[in-house]
Amino acid sequence: MASLTIFSPAGVLRNAVALRLASKRLAALGFDVSVDESALSKHQRFAGDDATRLAALHRVARQAPSVVMATRGGYGLTRLLDGIDWKLLARSVAQGTRWVGYSDMTVLQVGMLAHQNTASWAGPLACDDFGRAAAQGGVDEVTRDCFVEAMSGKLRAVGFKTEPGHDGLEVRGTLWGGNLSMLCSLLGTRHWPASKTTKAGVLFLEDVNEHPYRIERNLLQLHLAGVLDAQKAVLLGAFSDYRKSPLDRGYTLKTAVAYLRSLTRTPILTGLPFGHVPTKVCLPVGAKVSLAVQGRDVLLGGWS
């Protein structure tokens, strides 16, 4: 039975209900679930003060369970970056630990690449994905099944449909990325991966509560920094829960993406099932992957 530890490195949990439900559901999937001792700590909007959350991060790394999963995202890991023992996290990965999450976890995953070239998994969060009540939709079957396959080492590829115009595209490179806002926050810092790690890579992005003009602005920041042109492909996941403005006057996310496509030579594909939405695949951050498009069908795989 694979061991799975749930911890809270970022935002505070309102209560323990979703955490208990997530633990029960993950146990039913065959995991030996444990919850870190400070998972329910509270300090302002954080799951404990910085010292508490940093200690939890290092504690679960030393335990080196099969899977480490964050309870939720929110915000908070950026405050910890300068204090993280990256070698300790790399040792846990060498012992077989898979670090899993998305949203705020992006800065941890990108930092692992930057400091130790260590792989992780972009995937579900305990409370957000496994702690939803049945009245809220419960657990998405695709998310559940993809997660179980990924954690067992059986997941070899994921597929999705994209827009027309990319038929015949075939590339291979390092898969990396995550939440667009969190990724941009690392530009120019020592926690940004060296170009040798991400150059000629496959960059995936998602975000939530960001209007298309803000998404465009962040994508432009990556473009102006030379990041987009350095990739073999960019995969856009879900950009959800934003509010339209009467000032948009026909400006949409689609037009923003079209504008970015006019600036970069790198293919930008939409439709990746990943982000702040119920249905999400698991993606091996830091792994070498192959991307192939036939018609509108995209196959992303080839990792080991």
C-alpha atoms as a PDB file:
ATOM      1  CA  MET A   1       0.000   0.000   0.000  1.00  0.00           C
ATOM      2  CA  ALA A   2       1.445   3.362  -1.034  1.00  0.00           C
ATOM      3  CA  SER A   3       1.809   5.900   1.762  1.00  0.00           C
ATOM      4  CA  LEU A   4       0.294   9.346   1.188  1.00  0.00           C
ATOM      5  CA  THR A   5       0.819  12.362   3.425  1.00  0.00           C
ATOM      6  CA  ILE A   6      -1.414  15.415   3.274  1.00  0.00           C
ATOM      7  CA  PHE A   7       0.019  18.738   4.427  1.00  0.00           C
ATOM      8  CA  SER A   8      -0.811  22.455   4.223  1.00  0.00           C
ATOM      9  CA  PRO A   9       2.035  24.572   2.824  1.00  0.00           C
ATOM     10  CA  ALA A  10      -0.008  27.601   1.775  1.00  0.00           C
ATOM     11  CA  GLY A  11      -3.569  28.768   2.415  1.00  0.00           C
ATOM     12  CA  VAL A  12      -5.584  28.114   5.563  1.00  0.00           C
ATOM     13  CA  LEU A  13      -8.361  25.527   5.657  1.00  0.00           C
ATOM     14  CA  ARG A  14     -11.717  26.861   6.820  1.00  0.00           C
ATOM     15  CA  ASN A  15     -12.461  23.654   8.687  1.00  0.00           C
ATOM     16  CA  ALA A  16     -11.605  19.966   8.802  1.00  0.00           C
ATOM     17  CA  VAL A  17     -14.654  18.661   6.929  1.00  0.00           C
ATOM     18  CA  ALA A  18     -13.125  18.587   3.452  1.00  0.00           C
ATOM     19  CA  LEU A  19      -9.840  17.243   4.827  1.00  0.00           C
ATOM     20  CA  ARG A  20     -11.589  14.337   6.560  1.00  0.00           C
ATOM     21  CA  LEU A  21     -13.582  13.549   3.416  1.00  0.00           C
ATOM     22  CA  ALA A  22     -10.464  13.709   1.232  1.00  0.00           C
ATOM     23  CA  SER A  23      -8.576  11.401   3.603  1.00  0.00           C
ATOM     24  CA  LYS A  24     -11.426   8.894   3.551  1.00  0.00           C
ATOM     25  CA  ARG A  25     -11.708   8.910  -0.232  1.00  0.00           C
ATOM     26  CA  LEU A  26      -7.961   8.614  -0.800  1.00  0.00           C
ATOM     27  CA  ALA A  27      -7.824   5.710   1.657  1.00  0.00           C
ATOM     28  CA  ALA A  28     -10.632   4.020  -0.283  1.00  0.00           C
ATOM     29  CA  LEU A  29      -8.408   4.252  -3.375  1.00  0.00           C
ATOM     30  CA  GLY A  30      -5.798   2.142  -1.617  1.00  0.00           C
ATOM     31  CA  PHE A  31      -3.493   4.746  -0.101  1.00  0.00           C
ATOM     32  CA  ASP A  32      -2.215   4.591   3.461  1.00  0.00           C
ATOM     33  CA  VAL A  33      -3.194   8.165   4.337  1.00  0.00           C
ATOM     34  CA  SER A  34      -1.690  10.299   7.073  1.00  0.00           C
ATOM     35  CA  VAL A  35      -2.328  13.973   7.790  1.00  0.00           C
ATOM     36  CA  ASP A  36       0.536  16.195   8.885  1.00  0.00           C
ATOM     37  CA  GLU A  37       0.235  17.469  12.446  1.00  0.00           C
ATOM     38  CA  SER A  38      -0.024  21.133  11.411  1.00  0.00           C
ATOM     39  CA  ALA A  39      -2.379  20.706   8.448  1.00  0.00           C
ATOM     40  CA  LEU A  40      -5.170  22.561  10.258  1.00  0.00           C
ATOM     41  CA  SER A  41      -3.023  25.326  11.736  1.00  0.00           C
ATOM     42  CA  LYS A  42      -4.232  28.882  11.253  1.00  0.00           C
ATOM     43  CA  HIS A  43      -2.395  32.198  11.074  1.00  0.00           C
ATOM     44  CA  GLN A  44      -4.131  35.034   9.270  1.00  0.00           C
ATOM     45  CA  ARG A  45      -4.888  33.639   5.790  1.00  0.00           C
ATOM     46  CA  PHE A  46      -2.169  30.991   6.053  1.00  0.00           C
ATOM     47  CA  ALA A  47      -2.112  27.410   7.320  1.00  0.00           C
ATOM     48  CA  GLY A  48       0.111  28.418  10.199  1.00  0.00           C
ATOM     49  CA  ASP A  49       2.852  31.038  10.302  1.00  0.00           C
ATOM     50  CA  ASP A  50       5.814  30.766   7.946  1.00  0.00           C
ATOM     51  CA  ALA A  51       7.932  28.801  10.413  1.00  0.00           C
ATOM     52  CA  THR A  52       5.129  26.289  10.989  1.00  0.00           C
ATOM     53  CA  ARG A  53       4.548  25.710   7.282  1.00  0.00           C
ATOM     54  CA  LEU A  54       8.257  25.481   6.500  1.00  0.00           C
ATOM     55  CA  ALA A  55       8.694  22.945   9.288  1.00  0.00           C
ATOM     56  CA  ALA A  56       5.792  20.909   7.875  1.00  0.00           C
ATOM     57  CA  LEU A  57       7.372  20.949   4.410  1.00  0.00           C
ATOM     58  CA  HIS A  58      10.689  19.688   5.749  1.00  0.00           C
ATOM     59  CA  ARG A  59       9.001  17.188   8.078  1.00  0.00           C
ATOM     60  CA  VAL A  60       7.097  15.443   5.292  1.00  0.00           C
ATOM     61  CA  ALA A  61      10.211  15.514   3.088  1.00  0.00           C
ATOM     62  CA  ARG A  62      12.201  13.694   5.779  1.00  0.00           C
ATOM     63  CA  GLN A  63       9.402  11.126   6.129  1.00  0.00           C
ATOM     64  CA  ALA A  64       9.601  10.534   2.351  1.00  0.00           C
ATOM     65  CA  PRO A  65       6.179   8.903   1.844  1.00  0.00           C
ATOM     66  CA  SER A  66       5.216   7.599  -1.579  1.00  0.00           C
ATOM     67  CA  VAL A  67       3.041  10.663  -2.193  1.00  0.00           C
ATOM     68  CA  VAL A  68       2.970  14.155  -0.683  1.00  0.00           C
ATOM     69  CA  MET A  69      -0.201  16.082  -1.499  1.00  0.00           C
ATOM     70  CA  ALA A  70      -1.095  19.634  -0.493  1.00  0.00           C
ATOM     71  CA  THR A  71      -4.505  20.247   1.056  1.00  0.00           C
ATOM     72  CA  ARG A  72      -5.087  23.351  -1.063  1.00  0.00           C
ATOM     73  CA  GLY A  73      -3.343  26.208  -2.817  1.00  0.00           C
ATOM     74  CA  GLY A  74      -4.218  29.809  -2.089  1.00  0.00           C
ATOM     75  CA  TYR A  75      -1.038  31.699  -1.308  1.00  0.00           C
ATOM     76  CA  GLY A  76       1.915  31.184   1.004  1.00  0.00           C
ATOM     77  CA  LEU A  77       4.673  29.095  -0.537  1.00  0.00           C
ATOM     78  CA  THR A  78       6.402  32.144  -2.036  1.00  0.00           C
ATOM     79  CA  ARG A  79       7.117  33.320   1.512  1.00  0.00           C
ATOM     80  CA  LEU A  80       8.995  30.074   2.184  1.00  0.00           C
ATOM     81  CA  LEU A  81      11.191  29.808  -0.911  1.00  0.00           C
ATOM     82  CA  ASP A  82      14.380  31.283   0.544  1.00  0.00           C
ATOM     83  CA  GLY A  83      14.198  28.953   3.551  1.00  0.00           C
ATOM     84  CA  ILE A  84      13.532  25.656   1.782  1.00  0.00           C
ATOM     85  CA  ASP A  85      16.126  22.895   1.993  1.00  0.00           C
ATOM     86  CA  TRP A  86      16.014  21.924  -1.679  1.00  0.00           C
ATOM     87  CA  LYS A  87      18.494  19.090  -1.225  1.00  0.00           C
ATOM     88  CA  LEU A  88      16.177  17.550   1.373  1.00  0.00           C
ATOM     89  CA  LEU A  89      13.290  17.634  -1.105  1.00  0.00           C
ATOM     90  CA  ALA A  90      15.516  16.119  -3.790  1.00  0.00           C
ATOM     91  CA  ARG A  91      16.487  13.293  -1.437  1.00  0.00           C
ATOM     92  CA  SER A  92      12.815  12.524  -0.835  1.00  0.00           C
ATOM     93  CA  VAL A  93      12.245  12.304  -4.588  1.00  0.00           C
ATOM     94  CA  ALA A  94      15.267  10.019  -4.927  1.00  0.00           C
ATOM     95  CA  GLN A  95      13.616   7.782  -2.308  1.00  0.00           C
ATOM     96  CA  GLY A  96      10.443   7.613  -4.402  1.00  0.00           C
ATOM     97  CA  THR A  97       8.317  10.525  -3.155  1.00  0.00           C
ATOM     98  CA  ARG A  98       5.960  12.160  -5.638  1.00  0.00           C
ATOM     99  CA  TRP A  99       5.123  15.765  -4.722  1.00  0.00           C
ATOM    100  CA  VAL A 100       1.658  16.565  -6.086  1.00  0.00           C
ATOM    101  CA  GLY A 101      -0.436  19.711  -6.457  1.00  0.00           C
ATOM    102  CA  TYR A 102      -1.130  22.760  -8.565  1.00  0.00           C
ATOM    103  CA  SER A 103      -1.933  26.466  -8.172  1.00  0.00           C
ATOM    104  CA  ASP A 104       0.337  27.837  -5.404  1.00  0.00           C
ATOM    105  CA  MET A 105       2.339  24.573  -5.523  1.00  0.00           C
ATOM    106  CA  THR A 106       3.742  25.855  -8.833  1.00  0.00           C
ATOM    107  CA  VAL A 107       6.460  27.862  -7.097  1.00  0.00           C
ATOM    108  CA  LEU A 108       7.585  24.799  -5.144  1.00  0.00           C
ATOM    109  CA  GLN A 109       7.640  22.622  -8.267  1.00  0.00           C
ATOM    110  CA  VAL A 110       9.483  25.210 -10.353  1.00  0.00           C
ATOM    111  CA  GLY A 111      11.866  25.796  -7.452  1.00  0.00           C
ATOM    112  CA  MET A 112      12.606  22.073  -7.306  1.00  0.00           C
ATOM    113  CA  LEU A 113      13.582  22.262 -10.978  1.00  0.00           C
ATOM    114  CA  ALA A 114      15.652  25.388 -10.459  1.00  0.00           C
ATOM    115  CA  HIS A 115      17.681  24.207  -7.493  1.00  0.00           C
ATOM    116  CA  GLN A 116      18.038  20.439  -7.931  1.00  0.00           C
ATOM    117  CA  ASN A 117      16.502  19.640 -11.331  1.00  0.00           C
ATOM    118  CA  THR A 118      14.044  17.532  -9.367  1.00  0.00           C
ATOM    119  CA  ALA A 119      10.782  16.239 -10.832  1.00  0.00           C
ATOM    120  CA  SER A 120       7.306  16.512  -9.319  1.00  0.00           C
ATOM    121  CA  TRP A 121       3.680  16.078 -10.402  1.00  0.00           C
ATOM    122  CA  ALA A 122       1.195  18.772 -11.325  1.00  0.00           C
ATOM    123  CA  GLY A 123      -2.045  17.218 -10.216  1.00  0.00           C
ATOM    124  CA  PRO A 124      -4.958  17.401  -7.796  1.00  0.00           C
ATOM    125  CA  LEU A 125      -5.127  18.925  -4.338  1.00  0.00           C
ATOM    126  CA  ALA A 126      -6.551  16.941  -1.439  1.00  0.00           C
ATOM    127  CA  CYS A 127      -9.401  19.183  -0.336  1.00  0.00           C
ATOM    128  CA  ASP A 128     -10.155  20.902  -3.643  1.00  0.00           C
ATOM    129  CA  ASP A 129     -10.379  17.673  -5.634  1.00  0.00           C
ATOM    130  CA  PHE A 130     -11.019  14.848  -3.177  1.00  0.00           C
ATOM    131  CA  GLY A 131     -12.802  16.816  -0.457  1.00  0.00           C
ATOM    132  CA  ARG A 132     -15.727  18.200  -2.472  1.00  0.00           C
ATOM    133  CA  ALA A 133     -19.119  17.205  -1.108  1.00  0.00           C
ATOM    134  CA  ALA A 134     -21.431  15.185  -3.328  1.00  0.00           C
ATOM    135  CA  ALA A 135     -23.701  18.232  -3.655  1.00  0.00           C
ATOM    136  CA  GLN A 136     -20.732  20.117  -5.132  1.00  0.00           C
ATOM    137  CA  GLY A 137     -20.046  17.419  -7.692  1.00  0.00           C
ATOM    138  CA  GLY A 138     -17.903  15.078  -5.621  1.00  0.00           C
ATOM    139  CA  VAL A 139     -14.726  13.619  -7.102  1.00  0.00           C
ATOM    140  CA  ASP A 140     -14.254  13.868 -10.858  1.00  0.00           C
ATOM    141  CA  GLU A 141     -13.688  10.381 -12.271  1.00  0.00           C
ATOM    142  CA  VAL A 142     -11.046  11.432 -14.794  1.00  0.00           C
ATOM    143  CA  THR A 143      -9.106  13.305 -12.123  1.00  0.00           C
ATOM    144  CA  ARG A 144      -9.335  10.344  -9.744  1.00  0.00           C
ATOM    145  CA  ASP A 145      -8.343   7.681 -12.258  1.00  0.00           C
ATOM    146  CA  CYS A 146      -5.519   9.715 -13.766  1.00  0.00           C
ATOM    147  CA  PHE A 147      -4.116  10.424 -10.298  1.00  0.00           C
ATOM    148  CA  VAL A 148      -4.181   6.751  -9.275  1.00  0.00           C
ATOM    149  CA  GLU A 149      -2.454   5.734 -12.510  1.00  0.00           C
ATOM    150  CA  ALA A 150       0.182   8.437 -12.154  1.00  0.00           C
ATOM    151  CA  MET A 151       0.994   7.585  -8.559  1.00  0.00           C
ATOM    152  CA  SER A 152       1.240   3.874  -9.361  1.00  0.00           C
ATOM    153  CA  GLY A 153       3.649   4.580 -12.222  1.00  0.00           C
ATOM    154  CA  LYS A 154       1.229   3.274 -14.836  1.00  0.00           C
ATOM    155  CA  LEU A 155       0.356   6.591 -16.491  1.00  0.00           C
ATOM    156  CA  ARG A 156       2.269   6.873 -19.749  1.00  0.00           C
ATOM    157  CA  ALA A 157       0.337   9.505 -21.713  1.00  0.00           C
ATOM    158  CA  VAL A 158      -2.612  11.898 -21.641  1.00  0.00           C
ATOM    159  CA  GLY A 159      -4.691  13.052 -24.579  1.00  0.00           C
ATOM    160  CA  PHE A 160      -6.917  16.013 -25.373  1.00  0.00           C
ATOM    161  CA  LYS A 161      -8.389  17.964 -28.259  1.00  0.00           C
ATOM    162  CA  THR A 162      -7.052  21.325 -29.361  1.00  0.00           C
ATOM    163  CA  GLU A 163      -7.993  23.926 -31.955  1.00  0.00           C
ATOM    164  CA  PRO A 164      -7.384  23.245 -35.652  1.00  0.00           C
ATOM    165  CA  GLY A 165      -4.103  24.357 -37.151  1.00  0.00           C
ATOM    166  CA  HIS A 166      -1.516  22.165 -35.442  1.00  0.00           C
ATOM    167  CA  ASP A 167      -1.901  18.898 -37.360  1.00  0.00           C
ATOM    168  CA  GLY A 168       1.425  17.124 -37.768  1.00  0.00           C
ATOM    169  CA  LEU A 169       3.206  18.906 -34.929  1.00  0.00           C
ATOM    170  CA  GLU A 170       5.719  16.610 -33.222  1.00  0.00           C
ATOM    171  CA  VAL A 171       8.110  17.854 -30.540  1.00  0.00           C
ATOM    172  CA  ARG A 172      10.009  16.542 -27.546  1.00  0.00           C
ATOM    173  CA  GLY A 173      11.252  18.497 -24.551  1.00  0.00           C
ATOM    174  CA  THR A 174      11.095  19.029 -20.796  1.00  0.00           C
ATOM    175  CA  LEU A 175       7.550  19.510 -19.500  1.00  0.00           C
ATOM    176  CA  TRP A 176       7.292  22.363 -17.019  1.00  0.00           C
ATOM    177  CA  GLY A 177       5.037  25.219 -15.924  1.00  0.00           C
ATOM    178  CA  GLY A 178       1.885  25.494 -13.838  1.00  0.00           C
ATOM    179  CA  ASN A 179      -0.062  28.501 -12.641  1.00  0.00           C
ATOM    180  CA  LEU A 180       0.694  31.486 -14.881  1.00  0.00           C
ATOM    181  CA  SER A 181       0.641  34.158 -12.152  1.00  0.00           C
ATOM    182  CA  MET A 182       2.834  32.120  -9.824  1.00  0.00           C
ATOM    183  CA  LEU A 183       5.263  31.305 -12.616  1.00  0.00           C
ATOM    184  CA  CYS A 184       5.642  34.970 -13.585  1.00  0.00           C
ATOM    185  CA  SER A 185       6.289  35.866  -9.943  1.00  0.00           C
ATOM    186  CA  LEU A 186       9.534  33.863 -10.113  1.00  0.00           C
ATOM    187  CA  LEU A 187      11.000  35.584 -13.167  1.00  0.00           C
ATOM    188  CA  GLY A 188      14.281  37.287 -12.288  1.00  0.00           C
ATOM    189  CA  THR A 189      14.665  35.404  -9.000  1.00  0.00           C
ATOM    190  CA  ARG A 190      17.107  32.678  -8.076  1.00  0.00           C
ATOM    191  CA  HIS A 191      14.177  30.272  -8.003  1.00  0.00           C
ATOM    192  CA  TRP A 192      13.702  30.476 -11.782  1.00  0.00           C
ATOM    193  CA  PRO A 193      15.115  27.430 -13.619  1.00  0.00           C
ATOM    194  CA  ALA A 194      18.277  27.837 -15.665  1.00  0.00           C
ATOM    195  CA  SER A 195      17.723  28.035 -19.411  1.00  0.00           C
ATOM    196  CA  LYS A 196      19.500  24.699 -19.905  1.00  0.00           C
ATOM    197  CA  THR A 197      16.675  23.072 -17.915  1.00  0.00           C
ATOM    198  CA  THR A 198      13.701  24.601 -19.703  1.00  0.00           C
ATOM    199  CA  LYS A 199      15.027  25.690 -23.116  1.00  0.00           C
ATOM    200  CA  ALA A 200      13.306  23.829 -25.962  1.00  0.00           C
ATOM    201  CA  GLY A 201      10.728  22.637 -23.455  1.00  0.00           C
ATOM    202  CA  VAL A 202       6.985  22.125 -23.408  1.00  0.00           C
ATOM    203  CA  LEU A 203       5.462  24.805 -21.193  1.00  0.00           C
ATOM    204  CA  PHE A 204       1.971  24.330 -19.736  1.00  0.00           C
ATOM    205  CA  LEU A 205      -0.047  27.114 -18.099  1.00  0.00           C
ATOM    206  CA  GLU A 206      -3.344  27.710 -16.285  1.00  0.00           C
ATOM    207  CA  ASP A 207      -4.883  30.350 -14.030  1.00  0.00           C
ATOM    208  CA  VAL A 208      -8.013  31.360 -12.150  1.00  0.00           C
ATOM    209  CA  ASN A 209      -9.830  34.624 -11.398  1.00  0.00           C
ATOM    210  CA  GLU A 210      -7.719  36.480 -13.953  1.00  0.00           C
ATOM    211  CA  HIS A 211      -9.376  38.521 -16.716  1.00  0.00           C
ATOM    212  CA  PRO A 212      -8.063  37.816 -20.243  1.00  0.00           C
ATOM    213  CA  TYR A 213      -6.143  41.109 -20.319  1.00  0.00           C
ATOM    214  CA  ARG A 214      -4.235  40.022 -17.206  1.00  0.00           C
ATOM    215  CA  ILE A 215      -3.597  36.635 -18.753  1.00  0.00           C
ATOM    216  CA  GLU A 216      -2.317  38.383 -21.872  1.00  0.00           C
ATOM    217  CA  ARG A 217      -0.135  40.670 -19.776  1.00  0.00           C
ATOM    218  CA  ASN A 218       1.485  37.733 -17.993  1.00  0.00           C
ATOM    219  CA  LEU A 219       1.975  35.851 -21.241  1.00  0.00           C
ATOM    220  CA  LEU A 220       3.545  38.984 -22.702  1.00  0.00           C
ATOM    221  CA  GLN A 221       5.895  39.131 -19.746  1.00  0.00           C
ATOM    222  CA  LEU A 222       7.043  35.591 -20.547  1.00  0.00           C
ATOM    223  CA  HIS A 223       7.338  36.524 -24.216  1.00  0.00           C
ATOM    224  CA  LEU A 224       9.348  39.695 -23.559  1.00  0.00           C
ATOM    225  CA  ALA A 225      11.642  37.705 -21.283  1.00  0.00           C
ATOM    226  CA  GLY A 226      12.320  35.302 -24.142  1.00  0.00           C
ATOM    227  CA  VAL A 227      10.597  32.369 -22.472  1.00  0.00           C
ATOM    228  CA  LEU A 228       7.903  31.663 -25.065  1.00  0.00           C
ATOM    229  CA  ASP A 229      10.230  31.744 -28.070  1.00  0.00           C
ATOM    230  CA  ALA A 230      12.570  29.334 -26.272  1.00  0.00           C
ATOM    231  CA  GLN A 231       9.890  26.624 -26.056  1.00  0.00           C
ATOM    232  CA  LYS A 232       8.963  23.941 -28.557  1.00  0.00           C
ATOM    233  CA  ALA A 233       5.299  24.258 -27.599  1.00  0.00           C
ATOM    234  CA  VAL A 234       3.045  26.033 -25.114  1.00  0.00           C
ATOM    235  CA  LEU A 235      -0.019  24.227 -23.761  1.00  0.00           C
ATOM    236  CA  LEU A 236      -2.840  26.312 -22.312  1.00  0.00           C
ATOM    237  CA  GLY A 237      -5.122  24.691 -19.773  1.00  0.00           C
ATOM    238  CA  ALA A 238      -8.168  26.217 -18.111  1.00  0.00           C
ATOM    239  CA  PHE A 239      -8.373  29.943 -17.370  1.00  0.00           C
ATOM    240  CA  SER A 240     -11.474  29.969 -15.249  1.00  0.00           C
ATOM    241  CA  ASP A 241     -13.762  32.074 -13.042  1.00  0.00           C
ATOM    242  CA  TYR A 242     -13.028  35.527 -14.404  1.00  0.00           C
ATOM    243  CA  ARG A 243     -15.636  38.231 -14.937  1.00  0.00           C
ATOM    244  CA  LYS A 244     -16.203  39.872 -18.279  1.00  0.00           C
ATOM    245  CA  SER A 245     -16.189  43.672 -18.447  1.00  0.00           C
ATOM    246  CA  PRO A 246     -18.444  45.994 -20.465  1.00  0.00           C
ATOM    247  CA  LEU A 247     -15.191  47.613 -21.604  1.00  0.00           C
ATOM    248  CA  ASP A 248     -14.070  44.437 -23.391  1.00  0.00           C
ATOM    249  CA  ARG A 249     -15.990  45.254 -26.587  1.00  0.00           C
ATOM    250  CA  GLY A 250     -15.215  41.924 -28.245  1.00  0.00           C
ATOM    251  CA  TYR A 251     -11.896  41.356 -26.477  1.00  0.00           C
ATOM    252  CA  THR A 252     -11.832  37.761 -25.191  1.00  0.00           C
ATOM    253  CA  LEU A 253      -9.386  35.128 -24.088  1.00  0.00           C
ATOM    254  CA  LYS A 254      -9.479  33.791 -27.641  1.00  0.00           C
ATOM    255  CA  THR A 255      -8.408  37.145 -29.079  1.00  0.00           C
ATOM    256  CA  ALA A 256      -5.672  37.457 -26.455  1.00  0.00           C
ATOM    257  CA  VAL A 257      -4.287  34.062 -27.437  1.00  0.00           C
ATOM    258  CA  ALA A 258      -4.481  35.005 -31.120  1.00  0.00           C
ATOM    259  CA  TYR A 259      -2.441  38.128 -30.375  1.00  0.00           C
ATOM    260  CA  LEU A 260       0.251  36.097 -28.605  1.00  0.00           C
ATOM    261  CA  ARG A 261       0.365  33.682 -31.519  1.00  0.00           C
ATOM    262  CA  SER A 262       1.136  36.623 -33.799  1.00  0.00           C
ATOM    263  CA  LEU A 263       4.204  37.455 -31.702  1.00  0.00           C
ATOM    264  CA  THR A 264       5.894  34.117 -31.103  1.00  0.00           C
ATOM    265  CA  ARG A 265       7.038  31.384 -33.428  1.00  0.00           C
ATOM    266  CA  THR A 266       6.212  28.784 -30.782  1.00  0.00           C
ATOM    267  CA  PRO A 267       2.977  26.812 -31.316  1.00  0.00           C
ATOM    268  CA  ILE A 268       0.365  27.669 -28.668  1.00  0.00           C
ATOM    269  CA  LEU A 269      -2.157  24.872 -28.146  1.00  0.00           C
ATOM    270  CA  THR A 270      -5.354  25.207 -26.130  1.00  0.00           C
ATOM    271  CA  GLY A 271      -7.551  22.559 -24.526  1.00  0.00           C
ATOM    272  CA  LEU A 272      -5.204  20.965 -21.982  1.00  0.00           C
ATOM    273  CA  PRO A 273      -7.471  19.498 -19.250  1.00  0.00           C
ATOM    274  CA  PHE A 274      -5.697  21.091 -16.326  1.00  0.00           C
ATOM    275  CA  GLY A 275      -6.290  23.990 -13.954  1.00  0.00           C
ATOM    276  CA  HIS A 276      -8.838  25.215 -11.428  1.00  0.00           C
ATOM    277  CA  VAL A 277     -11.536  22.976 -12.861  1.00  0.00           C
ATOM    278  CA  PRO A 278     -12.922  19.617 -11.677  1.00  0.00           C
ATOM    279  CA  THR A 279     -11.408  17.577 -14.501  1.00  0.00           C
ATOM    280  CA  LYS A 280      -7.617  17.591 -14.546  1.00  0.00           C
ATOM    281  CA  VAL A 281      -4.902  15.227 -15.654  1.00  0.00           C
ATOM    282  CA  CYS A 282      -1.600  14.615 -13.892  1.00  0.00           C
ATOM    283  CA  LEU A 283       1.504  16.046 -15.535  1.00  0.00           C
ATOM    284  CA  PRO A 284       5.120  15.064 -14.735  1.00  0.00           C
ATOM    285  CA  VAL A 285       6.883  18.392 -14.171  1.00  0.00           C
ATOM    286  CA  GLY A 286      10.529  18.135 -15.180  1.00  0.00           C
ATOM    287  CA  ALA A 287      10.156  14.979 -17.280  1.00  0.00           C
ATOM    288  CA  LYS A 288      11.109  14.668 -20.921  1.00  0.00           C
ATOM    289  CA  VAL A 289       7.905  14.243 -22.912  1.00  0.00           C
ATOM    290  CA  SER A 290       6.794  13.792 -26.501  1.00  0.00           C
ATOM    291  CA  LEU A 291       3.962  15.833 -27.992  1.00  0.00           C
ATOM    292  CA  ALA A 292       2.205  14.755 -31.178  1.00  0.00           C
ATOM    293  CA  VAL A 293      -0.839  16.259 -32.900  1.00  0.00           C
ATOM    294  CA  GLN A 294      -2.999  14.427 -35.405  1.00  0.00           C
ATOM    295  CA  GLY A 295      -5.852  16.553 -36.658  1.00  0.00           C
ATOM    296  CA  ARG A 296      -7.159  18.077 -33.451  1.00  0.00           C
ATOM    297  CA  ASP A 297      -6.067  15.158 -31.251  1.00  0.00           C
ATOM    298  CA  VAL A 298      -3.062  15.778 -29.002  1.00  0.00           C
ATOM    299  CA  LEU A 299      -1.095  13.022 -27.326  1.00  0.00           C
ATOM    300  CA  LEU A 300       1.320  14.021 -24.583  1.00  0.00           C
ATOM    301  CA  GLY A 301       3.437  11.193 -23.250  1.00  0.00           C
ATOM    302  CA  GLY A 302       6.660   9.324 -23.676  1.00  0.00           C
ATOM    303  CA  TRP A 303       7.848   9.853 -20.113  1.00  0.00           C
ATOM    304  CA  SER A 304       9.282   7.041 -18.034  1.00  0.00           C
END
